[in-house]
Amino acid sequence: MTVATSLTETQIKETIIKLLKRIAPEADFSDLAPTEDIRAALDIDSFDFLQFLISLNEEVGVEVPEADYGKLVSLQDLVSYLSARIG
């Protein structure tokens, strides 16, 4: 596991998109608005979203407890959540 000690919001966003591309390779991320519901926009089911969160933990070292899953709806939510816990 990589533990990120300091990442900019841009780096966090790039990491999120890289990982989302693994589960939604056909998606057009240029059309994804920062506040748009990622799961709906990219047609990601619960299992894929869980796999994404596991990959995110492995990539940046931030474990997301199940209680927080509902808070992570948009790209902006994810960036803010991870920024607060990384550095």
N, C-alpha and C. Protein backbone atom coordinates (compact mmCIF):
# COMPACT_ATOMS: atom_id res chain seq x y z
N MET A 1 0.84 -1.18 0.00
CA MET A 1 0.00 0.00 0.00
C MET A 1 0.89 1.24 0.00
N THR A 2 0.52 2.19 -0.82
CA THR A 2 1.18 3.47 -0.86
C THR A 2 0.47 4.38 0.13
N VAL A 3 1.23 5.06 0.95
CA VAL A 3 0.63 6.02 1.86
C VAL A 3 1.05 7.40 1.41
N ALA A 4 0.09 8.14 0.93
CA ALA A 4 0.38 9.49 0.45
C ALA A 4 0.48 10.42 1.65
N THR A 5 1.57 11.12 1.73
CA THR A 5 1.73 12.05 2.85
C THR A 5 1.31 13.46 2.45
N SER A 6 1.40 13.75 1.18
CA SER A 6 1.01 15.06 0.72
C SER A 6 0.71 15.02 -0.78
N LEU A 7 -0.52 15.28 -1.10
CA LEU A 7 -0.95 15.35 -2.50
C LEU A 7 -1.75 16.63 -2.68
N THR A 8 -1.59 17.25 -3.83
CA THR A 8 -2.42 18.42 -4.13
C THR A 8 -3.81 17.93 -4.54
N GLU A 9 -4.77 18.84 -4.55
CA GLU A 9 -6.11 18.46 -4.99
C GLU A 9 -6.09 18.00 -6.44
N THR A 10 -5.24 18.58 -7.26
CA THR A 10 -5.12 18.17 -8.66
C THR A 10 -4.61 16.73 -8.74
N GLN A 11 -3.61 16.39 -7.94
CA GLN A 11 -3.08 15.03 -7.92
C GLN A 11 -4.13 14.04 -7.43
N ILE A 12 -4.89 14.43 -6.43
CA ILE A 12 -5.95 13.57 -5.91
C ILE A 12 -7.00 13.33 -7.00
N LYS A 13 -7.40 14.40 -7.68
CA LYS A 13 -8.39 14.27 -8.75
C LYS A 13 -7.87 13.35 -9.86
N GLU A 14 -6.61 13.52 -10.24
CA GLU A 14 -6.02 12.68 -11.28
C GLU A 14 -6.01 11.21 -10.86
N THR A 15 -5.71 10.95 -9.60
CA THR A 15 -5.69 9.59 -9.08
C THR A 15 -7.10 9.00 -9.10
N ILE A 16 -8.08 9.77 -8.69
CA ILE A 16 -9.48 9.32 -8.69
C ILE A 16 -9.90 8.95 -10.11
N ILE A 17 -9.61 9.82 -11.05
CA ILE A 17 -10.01 9.57 -12.44
C ILE A 17 -9.29 8.35 -13.00
N LYS A 18 -8.01 8.22 -12.69
CA LYS A 18 -7.25 7.04 -13.15
C LYS A 18 -7.91 5.76 -12.65
N LEU A 19 -8.31 5.74 -11.40
CA LEU A 19 -8.93 4.55 -10.82
C LEU A 19 -10.34 4.32 -11.36
N LEU A 20 -11.07 5.40 -11.59
CA LEU A 20 -12.41 5.26 -12.17
C LEU A 20 -12.35 4.73 -13.60
N LYS A 21 -11.31 5.09 -14.31
CA LYS A 21 -11.15 4.61 -15.69
C LYS A 21 -10.97 3.10 -15.74
N ARG A 22 -10.46 2.52 -14.66
CA ARG A 22 -10.30 1.07 -14.60
C ARG A 22 -11.65 0.35 -14.55
N ILE A 23 -12.63 0.99 -13.91
CA ILE A 23 -13.93 0.33 -13.79
C ILE A 23 -14.95 0.86 -14.78
N ALA A 24 -14.65 1.98 -15.40
CA ALA A 24 -15.55 2.56 -16.42
C ALA A 24 -14.70 3.07 -17.58
N PRO A 25 -14.02 2.16 -18.29
CA PRO A 25 -13.09 2.59 -19.34
C PRO A 25 -13.75 3.31 -20.51
N GLU A 26 -15.04 3.08 -20.71
CA GLU A 26 -15.73 3.70 -21.84
C GLU A 26 -16.26 5.10 -21.51
N ALA A 27 -16.16 5.50 -20.27
CA ALA A 27 -16.72 6.78 -19.83
C ALA A 27 -15.93 7.97 -20.37
N ASP A 28 -16.65 9.05 -20.61
CA ASP A 28 -16.03 10.30 -21.05
C ASP A 28 -15.91 11.21 -19.83
N PHE A 29 -14.72 11.27 -19.28
CA PHE A 29 -14.51 12.02 -18.05
C PHE A 29 -14.47 13.52 -18.27
N SER A 30 -14.31 13.95 -19.51
CA SER A 30 -14.30 15.39 -19.79
C SER A 30 -15.69 16.00 -19.57
N ASP A 31 -16.72 15.17 -19.63
CA ASP A 31 -18.09 15.65 -19.42
C ASP A 31 -18.55 15.53 -17.97
N LEU A 32 -17.73 14.97 -17.10
CA LEU A 32 -18.11 14.75 -15.71
C LEU A 32 -17.97 16.05 -14.92
N ALA A 33 -19.10 16.57 -14.48
CA ALA A 33 -19.09 17.80 -13.68
C ALA A 33 -18.60 17.49 -12.27
N PRO A 34 -17.93 18.44 -11.61
CA PRO A 34 -17.38 18.20 -10.27
C PRO A 34 -18.43 17.79 -9.23
N THR A 35 -19.67 18.24 -9.41
CA THR A 35 -20.71 17.93 -8.42
C THR A 35 -21.68 16.85 -8.88
N GLU A 36 -21.41 16.26 -10.03
CA GLU A 36 -22.29 15.23 -10.58
C GLU A 36 -22.12 13.91 -9.82
N ASP A 37 -23.21 13.17 -9.69
CA ASP A 37 -23.19 11.86 -9.04
C ASP A 37 -22.37 10.90 -9.91
N ILE A 38 -21.22 10.50 -9.42
CA ILE A 38 -20.30 9.65 -10.18
C ILE A 38 -20.93 8.32 -10.54
N ARG A 39 -21.57 7.69 -9.57
CA ARG A 39 -22.13 6.36 -9.81
C ARG A 39 -23.20 6.40 -10.89
N ALA A 40 -24.04 7.41 -10.87
CA ALA A 40 -25.10 7.53 -11.88
C ALA A 40 -24.50 7.90 -13.24
N ALA A 41 -23.59 8.87 -13.24
CA ALA A 41 -23.02 9.36 -14.49
C ALA A 41 -22.21 8.29 -15.22
N LEU A 42 -21.51 7.46 -14.44
CA LEU A 42 -20.63 6.45 -15.04
C LEU A 42 -21.24 5.06 -15.03
N ASP A 43 -22.47 4.95 -14.55
CA ASP A 43 -23.18 3.68 -14.47
C ASP A 43 -22.36 2.64 -13.69
N ILE A 44 -21.95 3.03 -12.49
CA ILE A 44 -21.15 2.18 -11.62
C ILE A 44 -22.07 1.56 -10.57
N ASP A 45 -22.03 0.24 -10.46
CA ASP A 45 -22.86 -0.43 -9.46
C ASP A 45 -22.14 -0.45 -8.10
N SER A 46 -22.81 -0.96 -7.10
CA SER A 46 -22.28 -0.96 -5.73
C SER A 46 -20.97 -1.74 -5.62
N PHE A 47 -20.90 -2.88 -6.28
CA PHE A 47 -19.69 -3.69 -6.22
C PHE A 47 -18.51 -2.95 -6.85
N ASP A 48 -18.72 -2.35 -8.01
CA ASP A 48 -17.65 -1.60 -8.66
C ASP A 48 -17.22 -0.40 -7.83
N PHE A 49 -18.18 0.25 -7.18
CA PHE A 49 -17.84 1.39 -6.34
C PHE A 49 -17.00 0.94 -5.15
N LEU A 50 -17.34 -0.19 -4.57
CA LEU A 50 -16.56 -0.74 -3.46
C LEU A 50 -15.14 -1.07 -3.94
N GLN A 51 -15.02 -1.68 -5.11
CA GLN A 51 -13.70 -1.98 -5.67
C GLN A 51 -12.89 -0.70 -5.90
N PHE A 52 -13.58 0.34 -6.34
CA PHE A 52 -12.94 1.65 -6.53
C PHE A 52 -12.40 2.18 -5.20
N LEU A 53 -13.20 2.10 -4.14
CA LEU A 53 -12.77 2.60 -2.83
C LEU A 53 -11.59 1.79 -2.29
N ILE A 54 -11.58 0.49 -2.53
CA ILE A 54 -10.46 -0.35 -2.12
C ILE A 54 -9.19 0.07 -2.87
N SER A 55 -9.33 0.28 -4.17
CA SER A 55 -8.20 0.73 -4.99
C SER A 55 -7.70 2.10 -4.52
N LEU A 56 -8.62 2.96 -4.15
CA LEU A 56 -8.27 4.29 -3.67
C LEU A 56 -7.46 4.18 -2.38
N ASN A 57 -7.89 3.30 -1.49
CA ASN A 57 -7.16 3.05 -0.25
C ASN A 57 -5.74 2.57 -0.55
N GLU A 58 -5.62 1.63 -1.48
CA GLU A 58 -4.30 1.10 -1.84
C GLU A 58 -3.42 2.18 -2.48
N GLU A 59 -4.03 3.05 -3.24
CA GLU A 59 -3.27 4.08 -3.97
C GLU A 59 -2.82 5.23 -3.08
N VAL A 60 -3.70 5.72 -2.22
CA VAL A 60 -3.37 6.91 -1.41
C VAL A 60 -3.29 6.65 0.08
N GLY A 61 -3.66 5.46 0.52
CA GLY A 61 -3.53 5.12 1.93
C GLY A 61 -4.62 5.66 2.83
N VAL A 62 -5.75 6.01 2.25
CA VAL A 62 -6.88 6.50 3.05
C VAL A 62 -7.99 5.45 3.01
N GLU A 63 -8.30 4.90 4.17
CA GLU A 63 -9.37 3.93 4.25
C GLU A 63 -10.68 4.67 4.47
N VAL A 64 -11.67 4.32 3.67
CA VAL A 64 -12.99 4.96 3.77
C VAL A 64 -13.92 4.00 4.51
N PRO A 65 -14.35 4.37 5.72
CA PRO A 65 -15.27 3.50 6.45
C PRO A 65 -16.64 3.46 5.76
N GLU A 66 -17.32 2.33 5.90
CA GLU A 66 -18.61 2.15 5.25
C GLU A 66 -19.59 3.27 5.59
N ALA A 67 -19.49 3.80 6.80
CA ALA A 67 -20.38 4.88 7.22
C ALA A 67 -20.23 6.14 6.36
N ASP A 68 -19.07 6.28 5.69
CA ASP A 68 -18.81 7.47 4.88
C ASP A 68 -19.13 7.28 3.40
N TYR A 69 -19.49 6.09 2.98
CA TYR A 69 -19.75 5.84 1.56
C TYR A 69 -20.78 6.81 0.99
N GLY A 70 -21.83 7.06 1.73
CA GLY A 70 -22.90 7.94 1.26
C GLY A 70 -22.47 9.39 1.09
N LYS A 71 -21.37 9.78 1.72
CA LYS A 71 -20.87 11.15 1.60
C LYS A 71 -20.08 11.36 0.32
N LEU A 72 -19.71 10.27 -0.33
CA LEU A 72 -18.82 10.34 -1.49
C LEU A 72 -19.61 10.14 -2.77
N VAL A 73 -20.32 11.17 -3.16
CA VAL A 73 -21.21 11.10 -4.31
C VAL A 73 -20.54 11.65 -5.57
N SER A 74 -19.86 12.77 -5.43
CA SER A 74 -19.30 13.46 -6.59
C SER A 74 -17.78 13.47 -6.55
N LEU A 75 -17.19 13.88 -7.64
CA LEU A 75 -15.75 14.04 -7.71
C LEU A 75 -15.29 15.06 -6.66
N GLN A 76 -16.05 16.13 -6.53
CA GLN A 76 -15.73 17.17 -5.53
C GLN A 76 -15.77 16.58 -4.12
N ASP A 77 -16.77 15.74 -3.84
CA ASP A 77 -16.87 15.09 -2.52
C ASP A 77 -15.63 14.25 -2.23
N LEU A 78 -15.22 13.47 -3.23
CA LEU A 78 -14.06 12.59 -3.07
C LEU A 78 -12.78 13.39 -2.85
N VAL A 79 -12.58 14.42 -3.65
CA VAL A 79 -11.37 15.25 -3.51
C VAL A 79 -11.34 15.91 -2.13
N SER A 80 -12.44 16.48 -1.70
CA SER A 80 -12.50 17.14 -0.39
C SER A 80 -12.25 16.15 0.74
N TYR A 81 -12.89 15.00 0.65
CA TYR A 81 -12.76 13.95 1.69
C TYR A 81 -11.30 13.50 1.80
N LEU A 82 -10.70 13.20 0.66
CA LEU A 82 -9.31 12.71 0.68
C LEU A 82 -8.34 13.81 1.08
N SER A 83 -8.55 15.04 0.62
CA SER A 83 -7.67 16.16 0.98
C SER A 83 -7.62 16.36 2.48
N ALA A 84 -8.75 16.21 3.12
CA ALA A 84 -8.83 16.41 4.58
C ALA A 84 -8.10 15.31 5.34
N ARG A 85 -7.90 14.15 4.71
CA ARG A 85 -7.31 13.01 5.41
C ARG A 85 -5.88 12.70 5.00
N ILE A 86 -5.40 13.35 3.97
CA ILE A 86 -4.06 13.04 3.47
C ILE A 86 -3.00 13.96 4.09
N GLY A 87 -3.24 15.23 4.04
CA GLY A 87 -2.12 16.06 4.40
C GLY A 87 -2.37 17.08 5.39
